[in-house]
Amino acid sequence: MRWMLVGGGINRMEKSPHEPECMLAHELIDKLANLIGHCDLLSEEMEAGLRFANRVGVIQNAARKLVRDLIEHQRRLSEVPPAGVRTEDKIAMLCQTRA
């Protein structure tokens, strides 16, 4: 995203069509995908009944849930805010931050 000057000196963010809505979410999804892949590799090396295999499965399922949540977060960020709601306010509400 980049800031640009719009008439009257108002700043606005403009996003390229291929840029993720939320770079933090994008980076976290990448790291979680890496974690899930490593869990897959560990699971292949462990016996199904081992206590550690079950723990790897718990970690993997938690990472998958986080990925789904982050994808949903990005989807909501990409929605156009309702009339009268500034983009910055929408982002602040979704990300629970102050605009």
PDB file of N, CA and C in Angstrom:
ATOM      1  N   MET A   1       0.836  -1.172   0.000  1.00  0.00           N
ATOM      2  CA  MET A   1       0.000   0.000   0.000  1.00  0.00           C
ATOM      3  C   MET A   1       0.877   1.230   0.000  1.00  0.00           C
ATOM      4  N   ARG A   2       0.386   2.245  -0.601  1.00  0.00           N
ATOM      5  CA  ARG A   2       1.143   3.490  -0.576  1.00  0.00           C
ATOM      6  C   ARG A   2       0.181   4.637  -0.325  1.00  0.00           C
ATOM      7  N   TRP A   3       0.717   5.669   0.307  1.00  0.00           N
ATOM      8  CA  TRP A   3      -0.064   6.870   0.594  1.00  0.00           C
ATOM      9  C   TRP A   3       0.071   7.809  -0.585  1.00  0.00           C
ATOM     10  N   MET A   4      -1.013   8.475  -0.923  1.00  0.00           N
ATOM     11  CA  MET A   4      -0.947   9.460  -1.993  1.00  0.00           C
ATOM     12  C   MET A   4      -1.741  10.691  -1.592  1.00  0.00           C
ATOM     13  N   LEU A   5      -1.378  11.805  -2.170  1.00  0.00           N
ATOM     14  CA  LEU A   5      -2.054  13.062  -1.885  1.00  0.00           C
ATOM     15  C   LEU A   5      -3.279  13.177  -2.777  1.00  0.00           C
ATOM     16  N   VAL A   6      -4.412  13.370  -2.149  1.00  0.00           N
ATOM     17  CA  VAL A   6      -5.666  13.520  -2.876  1.00  0.00           C
ATOM     18  C   VAL A   6      -6.105  14.960  -2.710  1.00  0.00           C
ATOM     19  N   GLY A   7      -6.893  15.488  -3.640  1.00  0.00           N
ATOM     20  CA  GLY A   7      -7.326  16.886  -3.600  1.00  0.00           C
ATOM     21  C   GLY A   7      -7.619  17.388  -2.201  1.00  0.00           C
ATOM     22  N   GLY A   8      -7.199  18.610  -1.923  1.00  0.00           N
ATOM     23  CA  GLY A   8      -7.427  19.205  -0.608  1.00  0.00           C
ATOM     24  C   GLY A   8      -6.440  18.741   0.440  1.00  0.00           C
ATOM     25  N   GLY A   9      -5.404  18.022   0.048  1.00  0.00           N
ATOM     26  CA  GLY A   9      -4.380  17.602   1.003  1.00  0.00           C
ATOM     27  C   GLY A   9      -4.761  16.403   1.850  1.00  0.00           C
ATOM     28  N   ILE A  10      -5.787  15.651   1.461  1.00  0.00           N
ATOM     29  CA  ILE A  10      -6.207  14.485   2.229  1.00  0.00           C
ATOM     30  C   ILE A  10      -5.389  13.284   1.772  1.00  0.00           C
ATOM     31  N   ASN A  11      -4.847  12.544   2.709  1.00  0.00           N
ATOM     32  CA  ASN A  11      -4.078  11.350   2.376  1.00  0.00           C
ATOM     33  C   ASN A  11      -5.000  10.159   2.230  1.00  0.00           C
ATOM     34  N   ARG A  12      -4.655   9.271   1.320  1.00  0.00           N
ATOM     35  CA  ARG A  12      -5.450   8.075   1.099  1.00  0.00           C
ATOM     36  C   ARG A  12      -4.495   6.943   0.753  1.00  0.00           C
ATOM     37  N   MET A  13      -4.846   5.734   1.157  1.00  0.00           N
ATOM     38  CA  MET A  13      -4.023   4.589   0.809  1.00  0.00           C
ATOM     39  C   MET A  13      -4.527   4.009  -0.505  1.00  0.00           C
ATOM     40  N   GLU A  14      -3.598   3.646  -1.372  1.00  0.00           N
ATOM     41  CA  GLU A  14      -3.948   2.995  -2.616  1.00  0.00           C
ATOM     42  C   GLU A  14      -3.212   1.670  -2.663  1.00  0.00           C
ATOM     43  N   LYS A  15      -3.905   0.613  -3.015  1.00  0.00           N
ATOM     44  CA  LYS A  15      -3.347  -0.731  -2.981  1.00  0.00           C
ATOM     45  C   LYS A  15      -3.248  -1.275  -4.394  1.00  0.00           C
ATOM     46  N   SER A  16      -2.140  -1.952  -4.679  1.00  0.00           N
ATOM     47  CA  SER A  16      -2.032  -2.608  -5.979  1.00  0.00           C
ATOM     48  C   SER A  16      -2.962  -3.823  -5.965  1.00  0.00           C
ATOM     49  N   PRO A  17      -3.436  -4.283  -7.131  1.00  0.00           N
ATOM     50  CA  PRO A  17      -4.400  -5.385  -7.171  1.00  0.00           C
ATOM     51  C   PRO A  17      -3.857  -6.703  -6.627  1.00  0.00           C
ATOM     52  N   HIS A  18      -2.543  -6.871  -6.590  1.00  0.00           N
ATOM     53  CA  HIS A  18      -1.962  -8.138  -6.133  1.00  0.00           C
ATOM     54  C   HIS A  18      -1.440  -8.078  -4.704  1.00  0.00           C
ATOM     55  N   GLU A  19      -1.631  -6.971  -4.045  1.00  0.00           N
ATOM     56  CA  GLU A  19      -1.115  -6.799  -2.692  1.00  0.00           C
ATOM     57  C   GLU A  19      -2.152  -7.293  -1.676  1.00  0.00           C
ATOM     58  N   PRO A  20      -1.728  -8.064  -0.679  1.00  0.00           N
ATOM     59  CA  PRO A  20      -2.671  -8.532   0.345  1.00  0.00           C
ATOM     60  C   PRO A  20      -3.282  -7.354   1.102  1.00  0.00           C
ATOM     61  N   GLU A  21      -4.468  -7.561   1.636  1.00  0.00           N
ATOM     62  CA  GLU A  21      -5.135  -6.523   2.415  1.00  0.00           C
ATOM     63  C   GLU A  21      -4.376  -6.204   3.690  1.00  0.00           C
ATOM     64  N   CYS A  22      -3.791  -7.210   4.293  1.00  0.00           N
ATOM     65  CA  CYS A  22      -3.096  -7.034   5.571  1.00  0.00           C
ATOM     66  C   CYS A  22      -1.758  -7.772   5.493  1.00  0.00           C
ATOM     67  N   MET A  23      -0.673  -7.031   5.446  1.00  0.00           N
ATOM     68  CA  MET A  23       0.645  -7.657   5.313  1.00  0.00           C
ATOM     69  C   MET A  23       0.985  -8.522   6.525  1.00  0.00           C
ATOM     70  N   LEU A  24       0.577  -8.106   7.711  1.00  0.00           N
ATOM     71  CA  LEU A  24       0.848  -8.910   8.902  1.00  0.00           C
ATOM     72  C   LEU A  24       0.152 -10.265   8.783  1.00  0.00           C
ATOM     73  N   ALA A  25      -1.117 -10.253   8.398  1.00  0.00           N
ATOM     74  CA  ALA A  25      -1.850 -11.510   8.227  1.00  0.00           C
ATOM     75  C   ALA A  25      -1.181 -12.369   7.157  1.00  0.00           C
ATOM     76  N   HIS A  26      -0.765 -11.752   6.071  1.00  0.00           N
ATOM     77  CA  HIS A  26      -0.098 -12.470   4.985  1.00  0.00           C
ATOM     78  C   HIS A  26       1.178 -13.152   5.485  1.00  0.00           C
ATOM     79  N   GLU A  27       1.982 -12.431   6.237  1.00  0.00           N
ATOM     80  CA  GLU A  27       3.227 -12.996   6.765  1.00  0.00           C
ATOM     81  C   GLU A  27       2.954 -14.100   7.791  1.00  0.00           C
ATOM     82  N   LEU A  28       1.939 -13.909   8.627  1.00  0.00           N
ATOM     83  CA  LEU A  28       1.598 -14.937   9.605  1.00  0.00           C
ATOM     84  C   LEU A  28       1.097 -16.207   8.931  1.00  0.00           C
ATOM     85  N   ILE A  29       0.286 -16.058   7.887  1.00  0.00           N
ATOM     86  CA  ILE A  29      -0.196 -17.228   7.148  1.00  0.00           C
ATOM     87  C   ILE A  29       0.990 -17.994   6.563  1.00  0.00           C
ATOM     88  N   ASP A  30       1.971 -17.273   6.021  1.00  0.00           N
ATOM     89  CA  ASP A  30       3.153 -17.917   5.462  1.00  0.00           C
ATOM     90  C   ASP A  30       3.909 -18.708   6.523  1.00  0.00           C
ATOM     91  N   LYS A  31       4.095 -18.115   7.689  1.00  0.00           N
ATOM     92  CA  LYS A  31       4.810 -18.799   8.775  1.00  0.00           C
ATOM     93  C   LYS A  31       4.011 -19.999   9.301  1.00  0.00           C
ATOM     94  N   LEU A  32       2.694 -19.841   9.396  1.00  0.00           N
ATOM     95  CA  LEU A  32       1.852 -20.944   9.863  1.00  0.00           C
ATOM     96  C   LEU A  32       1.844 -22.094   8.849  1.00  0.00           C
ATOM     97  N   ALA A  33       1.856 -21.780   7.564  1.00  0.00           N
ATOM     98  CA  ALA A  33       1.916 -22.822   6.537  1.00  0.00           C
ATOM     99  C   ALA A  33       3.215 -23.608   6.670  1.00  0.00           C
ATOM    100  N   ASN A  34       4.299 -22.911   6.988  1.00  0.00           N
ATOM    101  CA  ASN A  34       5.582 -23.562   7.209  1.00  0.00           C
ATOM    102  C   ASN A  34       5.497 -24.495   8.420  1.00  0.00           C
ATOM    103  N   LEU A  35       4.884 -24.027   9.488  1.00  0.00           N
ATOM    104  CA  LEU A  35       4.705 -24.833  10.696  1.00  0.00           C
ATOM    105  C   LEU A  35       3.867 -26.080  10.402  1.00  0.00           C
ATOM    106  N   ILE A  36       2.789 -25.907   9.646  1.00  0.00           N
ATOM    107  CA  ILE A  36       1.930 -27.042   9.292  1.00  0.00           C
ATOM    108  C   ILE A  36       2.723 -28.065   8.477  1.00  0.00           C
ATOM    109  N   GLY A  37       3.534 -27.581   7.546  1.00  0.00           N
ATOM    110  CA  GLY A  37       4.349 -28.488   6.740  1.00  0.00           C
ATOM    111  C   GLY A  37       5.339 -29.283   7.576  1.00  0.00           C
ATOM    112  N   HIS A  38       5.964 -28.615   8.535  1.00  0.00           N
ATOM    113  CA  HIS A  38       6.895 -29.322   9.426  1.00  0.00           C
ATOM    114  C   HIS A  38       6.154 -30.346  10.284  1.00  0.00           C
ATOM    115  N   CYS A  39       4.947 -30.031  10.705  1.00  0.00           N
ATOM    116  CA  CYS A  39       4.146 -30.995  11.467  1.00  0.00           C
ATOM    117  C   CYS A  39       3.818 -32.209  10.604  1.00  0.00           C
ATOM    118  N   ASP A  40       3.524 -31.981   9.318  1.00  0.00           N
ATOM    119  CA  ASP A  40       3.287 -33.102   8.401  1.00  0.00           C
ATOM    120  C   ASP A  40       4.503 -34.020   8.350  1.00  0.00           C
ATOM    121  N   LEU A  41       5.694 -33.416   8.221  1.00  0.00           N
ATOM    122  CA  LEU A  41       6.921 -34.207   8.158  1.00  0.00           C
ATOM    123  C   LEU A  41       7.162 -34.976   9.452  1.00  0.00           C
ATOM    124  N   LEU A  42       6.931 -34.316  10.594  1.00  0.00           N
ATOM    125  CA  LEU A  42       7.096 -34.999  11.882  1.00  0.00           C
ATOM    126  C   LEU A  42       6.096 -36.144  12.035  1.00  0.00           C
ATOM    127  N   SER A  43       4.869 -35.909  11.616  1.00  0.00           N
ATOM    128  CA  SER A  43       3.826 -36.942  11.738  1.00  0.00           C
ATOM    129  C   SER A  43       4.186 -38.188  10.937  1.00  0.00           C
ATOM    130  N   GLU A  44       4.796 -37.995   9.779  1.00  0.00           N
ATOM    131  CA  GLU A  44       5.203 -39.138   8.956  1.00  0.00           C
ATOM    132  C   GLU A  44       6.277 -39.969   9.644  1.00  0.00           C
ATOM    133  N   GLU A  45       7.087 -39.339  10.494  1.00  0.00           N
ATOM    134  CA  GLU A  45       8.193 -40.030  11.158  1.00  0.00           C
ATOM    135  C   GLU A  45       7.779 -40.693  12.477  1.00  0.00           C
ATOM    136  N   MET A  46       6.604 -40.328  13.009  1.00  0.00           N
ATOM    137  CA  MET A  46       6.171 -40.841  14.310  1.00  0.00           C
ATOM    138  C   MET A  46       5.113 -41.918  14.146  1.00  0.00           C
ATOM    139  N   GLU A  47       5.035 -42.784  15.126  1.00  0.00           N
ATOM    140  CA  GLU A  47       3.972 -43.781  15.152  1.00  0.00           C
ATOM    141  C   GLU A  47       2.678 -43.090  15.585  1.00  0.00           C
ATOM    142  N   ALA A  48       1.579 -43.514  14.999  1.00  0.00           N
ATOM    143  CA  ALA A  48       0.284 -42.853  15.211  1.00  0.00           C
ATOM    144  C   ALA A  48      -0.122 -42.806  16.689  1.00  0.00           C
ATOM    145  N   GLY A  49       0.184 -43.806  17.456  1.00  0.00           N
ATOM    146  CA  GLY A  49      -0.264 -43.865  18.837  1.00  0.00           C
ATOM    147  C   GLY A  49       0.623 -43.134  19.834  1.00  0.00           C
ATOM    148  N   LEU A  50       1.750 -42.658  19.412  1.00  0.00           N
ATOM    149  CA  LEU A  50       2.664 -41.998  20.333  1.00  0.00           C
ATOM    150  C   LEU A  50       2.080 -40.703  20.867  1.00  0.00           C
ATOM    151  N   ARG A  51       2.377 -40.426  22.111  1.00  0.00           N
ATOM    152  CA  ARG A  51       1.901 -39.198  22.764  1.00  0.00           C
ATOM    153  C   ARG A  51       2.377 -37.961  21.998  1.00  0.00           C
ATOM    154  N   PHE A  52       3.607 -37.997  21.492  1.00  0.00           N
ATOM    155  CA  PHE A  52       4.150 -36.854  20.765  1.00  0.00           C
ATOM    156  C   PHE A  52       3.431 -36.640  19.436  1.00  0.00           C
ATOM    157  N   ALA A  53       3.013 -37.716  18.800  1.00  0.00           N
ATOM    158  CA  ALA A  53       2.278 -37.601  17.534  1.00  0.00           C
ATOM    159  C   ALA A  53       0.962 -36.866  17.776  1.00  0.00           C
ATOM    160  N   ASN A  54       0.324 -37.147  18.887  1.00  0.00           N
ATOM    161  CA  ASN A  54      -0.924 -36.458  19.218  1.00  0.00           C
ATOM    162  C   ASN A  54      -0.676 -34.972  19.454  1.00  0.00           C
ATOM    163  N   ARG A  55       0.422 -34.646  20.119  1.00  0.00           N
ATOM    164  CA  ARG A  55       0.743 -33.233  20.375  1.00  0.00           C
ATOM    165  C   ARG A  55       1.053 -32.493  19.081  1.00  0.00           C
ATOM    166  N   VAL A  56       1.753 -33.147  18.163  1.00  0.00           N
ATOM    167  CA  VAL A  56       2.026 -32.532  16.860  1.00  0.00           C
ATOM    168  C   VAL A  56       0.704 -32.252  16.145  1.00  0.00           C
ATOM    169  N   GLY A  57      -0.237 -33.176  16.250  1.00  0.00           N
ATOM    170  CA  GLY A  57      -1.557 -32.980  15.648  1.00  0.00           C
ATOM    171  C   GLY A  57      -2.296 -31.792  16.238  1.00  0.00           C
ATOM    172  N   VAL A  58      -2.173 -31.605  17.548  1.00  0.00           N
ATOM    173  CA  VAL A  58      -2.809 -30.461  18.206  1.00  0.00           C
ATOM    174  C   VAL A  58      -2.205 -29.150  17.694  1.00  0.00           C
ATOM    175  N   ILE A  59      -0.880 -29.120  17.592  1.00  0.00           N
ATOM    176  CA  ILE A  59      -0.190 -27.926  17.075  1.00  0.00           C
ATOM    177  C   ILE A  59      -0.638 -27.650  15.645  1.00  0.00           C
ATOM    178  N   GLN A  60      -0.681 -28.689  14.835  1.00  0.00           N
ATOM    179  CA  GLN A  60      -1.069 -28.537  13.433  1.00  0.00           C
ATOM    180  C   GLN A  60      -2.508 -28.030  13.302  1.00  0.00           C
ATOM    181  N   ASN A  61      -3.411 -28.566  14.082  1.00  0.00           N
ATOM    182  CA  ASN A  61      -4.808 -28.120  14.027  1.00  0.00           C
ATOM    183  C   ASN A  61      -4.953 -26.671  14.487  1.00  0.00           C
ATOM    184  N   ALA A  62      -4.200 -26.280  15.503  1.00  0.00           N
ATOM    185  CA  ALA A  62      -4.242 -24.894  15.970  1.00  0.00           C
ATOM    186  C   ALA A  62      -3.726 -23.953  14.872  1.00  0.00           C
ATOM    187  N   ALA A  63      -2.659 -24.341  14.190  1.00  0.00           N
ATOM    188  CA  ALA A  63      -2.106 -23.522  13.111  1.00  0.00           C
ATOM    189  C   ALA A  63      -3.102 -23.403  11.961  1.00  0.00           C
ATOM    190  N   ARG A  64      -3.775 -24.498  11.623  1.00  0.00           N
ATOM    191  CA  ARG A  64      -4.785 -24.450  10.550  1.00  0.00           C
ATOM    192  C   ARG A  64      -5.941 -23.526  10.919  1.00  0.00           C
ATOM    193  N   LYS A  65      -6.365 -23.554  12.187  1.00  0.00           N
ATOM    194  CA  LYS A  65      -7.449 -22.673  12.641  1.00  0.00           C
ATOM    195  C   LYS A  65      -7.016 -21.209  12.522  1.00  0.00           C
ATOM    196  N   LEU A  66      -5.784 -20.907  12.930  1.00  0.00           N
ATOM    197  CA  LEU A  66      -5.277 -19.541  12.809  1.00  0.00           C
ATOM    198  C   LEU A  66      -5.228 -19.081  11.359  1.00  0.00           C
ATOM    199  N   VAL A  67      -4.835 -19.956  10.452  1.00  0.00           N
ATOM    200  CA  VAL A  67      -4.806 -19.605   9.028  1.00  0.00           C
ATOM    201  C   VAL A  67      -6.213 -19.264   8.551  1.00  0.00           C
ATOM    202  N   ARG A  68      -7.199 -20.085   8.911  1.00  0.00           N
ATOM    203  CA  ARG A  68      -8.592 -19.796   8.507  1.00  0.00           C
ATOM    204  C   ARG A  68      -9.043 -18.457   9.066  1.00  0.00           C
ATOM    205  N   ASP A  69      -8.723 -18.174  10.335  1.00  0.00           N
ATOM    206  CA  ASP A  69      -9.106 -16.898  10.949  1.00  0.00           C
ATOM    207  C   ASP A  69      -8.450 -15.714  10.248  1.00  0.00           C
ATOM    208  N   LEU A  70      -7.176 -15.848   9.900  1.00  0.00           N
ATOM    209  CA  LEU A  70      -6.463 -14.762   9.227  1.00  0.00           C
ATOM    210  C   LEU A  70      -6.990 -14.534   7.808  1.00  0.00           C
ATOM    211  N   ILE A  71      -7.349 -15.598   7.116  1.00  0.00           N
ATOM    212  CA  ILE A  71      -7.937 -15.452   5.782  1.00  0.00           C
ATOM    213  C   ILE A  71      -9.272 -14.723   5.881  1.00  0.00           C
ATOM    214  N   GLU A  72     -10.075 -15.062   6.873  1.00  0.00           N
ATOM    215  CA  GLU A  72     -11.355 -14.372   7.083  1.00  0.00           C
ATOM    216  C   GLU A  72     -11.112 -12.901   7.424  1.00  0.00           C
ATOM    217  N   HIS A  73     -10.102 -12.624   8.225  1.00  0.00           N
ATOM    218  CA  HIS A  73      -9.752 -11.250   8.580  1.00  0.00           C
ATOM    219  C   HIS A  73      -9.415 -10.445   7.318  1.00  0.00           C
ATOM    220  N   GLN A  74      -8.608 -11.019   6.443  1.00  0.00           N
ATOM    221  CA  GLN A  74      -8.254 -10.334   5.201  1.00  0.00           C
ATOM    222  C   GLN A  74      -9.480 -10.118   4.314  1.00  0.00           C
ATOM    223  N   ARG A  75     -10.391 -11.111   4.284  1.00  0.00           N
ATOM    224  CA  ARG A  75     -11.601 -10.968   3.483  1.00  0.00           C
ATOM    225  C   ARG A  75     -12.438  -9.801   3.974  1.00  0.00           C
ATOM    226  N   ARG A  76     -12.577  -9.694   5.306  1.00  0.00           N
ATOM    227  CA  ARG A  76     -13.370  -8.591   5.864  1.00  0.00           C
ATOM    228  C   ARG A  76     -12.710  -7.251   5.608  1.00  0.00           C
ATOM    229  N   LEU A  77     -11.392  -7.204   5.631  1.00  0.00           N
ATOM    230  CA  LEU A  77     -10.688  -5.955   5.328  1.00  0.00           C
ATOM    231  C   LEU A  77     -10.903  -5.517   3.878  1.00  0.00           C
ATOM    232  N   SER A  78     -11.087  -6.472   2.989  1.00  0.00           N
ATOM    233  CA  SER A  78     -11.236  -6.143   1.573  1.00  0.00           C
ATOM    234  C   SER A  78     -12.632  -5.623   1.235  1.00  0.00           C
ATOM    235  N   GLU A  79     -13.591  -5.806   2.136  1.00  0.00           N
ATOM    236  CA  GLU A  79     -14.942  -5.318   1.873  1.00  0.00           C
ATOM    237  C   GLU A  79     -14.974  -3.790   1.910  1.00  0.00           C
ATOM    238  N   VAL A  80     -15.804  -3.229   1.075  1.00  0.00           N
ATOM    239  CA  VAL A  80     -15.963  -1.772   1.037  1.00  0.00           C
ATOM    240  C   VAL A  80     -16.751  -1.353   2.277  1.00  0.00           C
ATOM    241  N   PRO A  81     -16.279  -0.337   3.012  1.00  0.00           N
ATOM    242  CA  PRO A  81     -17.011   0.085   4.212  1.00  0.00           C
ATOM    243  C   PRO A  81     -18.360   0.704   3.848  1.00  0.00           C
ATOM    244  N   PRO A  82     -19.348   0.594   4.747  1.00  0.00           N
ATOM    245  CA  PRO A  82     -20.647   1.197   4.495  1.00  0.00           C
ATOM    246  C   PRO A  82     -20.527   2.707   4.336  1.00  0.00           C
ATOM    247  N   ALA A  83     -21.512   3.304   3.679  1.00  0.00           N
ATOM    248  CA  ALA A  83     -21.518   4.756   3.488  1.00  0.00           C
ATOM    249  C   ALA A  83     -21.391   5.448   4.839  1.00  0.00           C
ATOM    250  N   GLY A  84     -20.560   6.457   4.888  1.00  0.00           N
ATOM    251  CA  GLY A  84     -20.380   7.229   6.113  1.00  0.00           C
ATOM    252  C   GLY A  84     -19.304   6.691   7.041  1.00  0.00           C
ATOM    253  N   VAL A  85     -18.756   5.525   6.746  1.00  0.00           N
ATOM    254  CA  VAL A  85     -17.694   4.950   7.580  1.00  0.00           C
ATOM    255  C   VAL A  85     -16.375   5.112   6.829  1.00  0.00           C
ATOM    256  N   ARG A  86     -15.433   5.810   7.457  1.00  0.00           N
ATOM    257  CA  ARG A  86     -14.122   5.994   6.844  1.00  0.00           C
ATOM    258  C   ARG A  86     -13.375   4.667   6.824  1.00  0.00           C
ATOM    259  N   THR A  87     -12.545   4.460   5.798  1.00  0.00           N
ATOM    260  CA  THR A  87     -11.748   3.235   5.693  1.00  0.00           C
ATOM    261  C   THR A  87     -10.890   3.037   6.936  1.00  0.00           C
ATOM    262  N   GLU A  88     -10.301   4.121   7.435  1.00  0.00           N
ATOM    263  CA  GLU A  88      -9.450   4.032   8.627  1.00  0.00           C
ATOM    264  C   GLU A  88     -10.248   3.552   9.841  1.00  0.00           C
ATOM    265  N   ASP A  89     -11.506   4.013   9.958  1.00  0.00           N
ATOM    266  CA  ASP A  89     -12.351   3.582  11.076  1.00  0.00           C
ATOM    267  C   ASP A  89     -12.703   2.106  10.955  1.00  0.00           C
ATOM    268  N   LYS A  90     -12.977   1.662   9.716  1.00  0.00           N
ATOM    269  CA  LYS A  90     -13.291   0.256   9.490  1.00  0.00           C
ATOM    270  C   LYS A  90     -12.102  -0.616   9.874  1.00  0.00           C
ATOM    271  N   ILE A  91     -10.911  -0.223   9.443  1.00  0.00           N
ATOM    272  CA  ILE A  91      -9.713  -0.989   9.773  1.00  0.00           C
ATOM    273  C   ILE A  91      -9.500  -1.013  11.282  1.00  0.00           C
ATOM    274  N   ALA A  92      -9.685   0.121  11.931  1.00  0.00           N
ATOM    275  CA  ALA A  92      -9.520   0.192  13.383  1.00  0.00           C
ATOM    276  C   ALA A  92     -10.502  -0.736  14.078  1.00  0.00           C
ATOM    277  N   MET A  93     -11.739  -0.794  13.607  1.00  0.00           N
ATOM    278  CA  MET A  93     -12.739  -1.681  14.224  1.00  0.00           C
ATOM    279  C   MET A  93     -12.357  -3.143  14.018  1.00  0.00           C
ATOM    280  N   LEU A  94     -11.961  -3.511  12.794  1.00  0.00           N
ATOM    281  CA  LEU A  94     -11.636  -4.898  12.498  1.00  0.00           C
ATOM    282  C   LEU A  94     -10.355  -5.353  13.186  1.00  0.00           C
ATOM    283  N   CYS A  95      -9.404  -4.448  13.293  1.00  0.00           N
ATOM    284  CA  CYS A  95      -8.114  -4.793  13.889  1.00  0.00           C
ATOM    285  C   CYS A  95      -8.060  -4.425  15.375  1.00  0.00           C
ATOM    286  N   GLN A  96      -9.138  -3.861  15.882  1.00  0.00           N
ATOM    287  CA  GLN A  96      -9.243  -3.427  17.278  1.00  0.00           C
ATOM    288  C   GLN A  96      -8.096  -2.518  17.657  1.00  0.00           C
ATOM    289  N   THR A  97      -7.893  -1.502  16.803  1.00  0.00           N
ATOM    290  CA  THR A  97      -6.876  -0.493  17.055  1.00  0.00           C
ATOM    291  C   THR A  97      -7.535   0.872  16.960  1.00  0.00           C
ATOM    292  N   ARG A  98      -6.774   1.901  17.216  1.00  0.00           N
ATOM    293  CA  ARG A  98      -7.276   3.268  17.074  1.00  0.00           C
ATOM    294  C   ARG A  98      -6.841   3.812  15.734  1.00  0.00           C
ATOM    295  N   ALA A  99      -7.763   4.517  15.048  1.00  0.00           N
ATOM    296  CA  ALA A  99      -7.418   5.095  13.735  1.00  0.00           C
ATOM    297  C   ALA A  99      -6.619   6.365  13.939  1.00  0.00           C
TER     298      ALA A  99
END
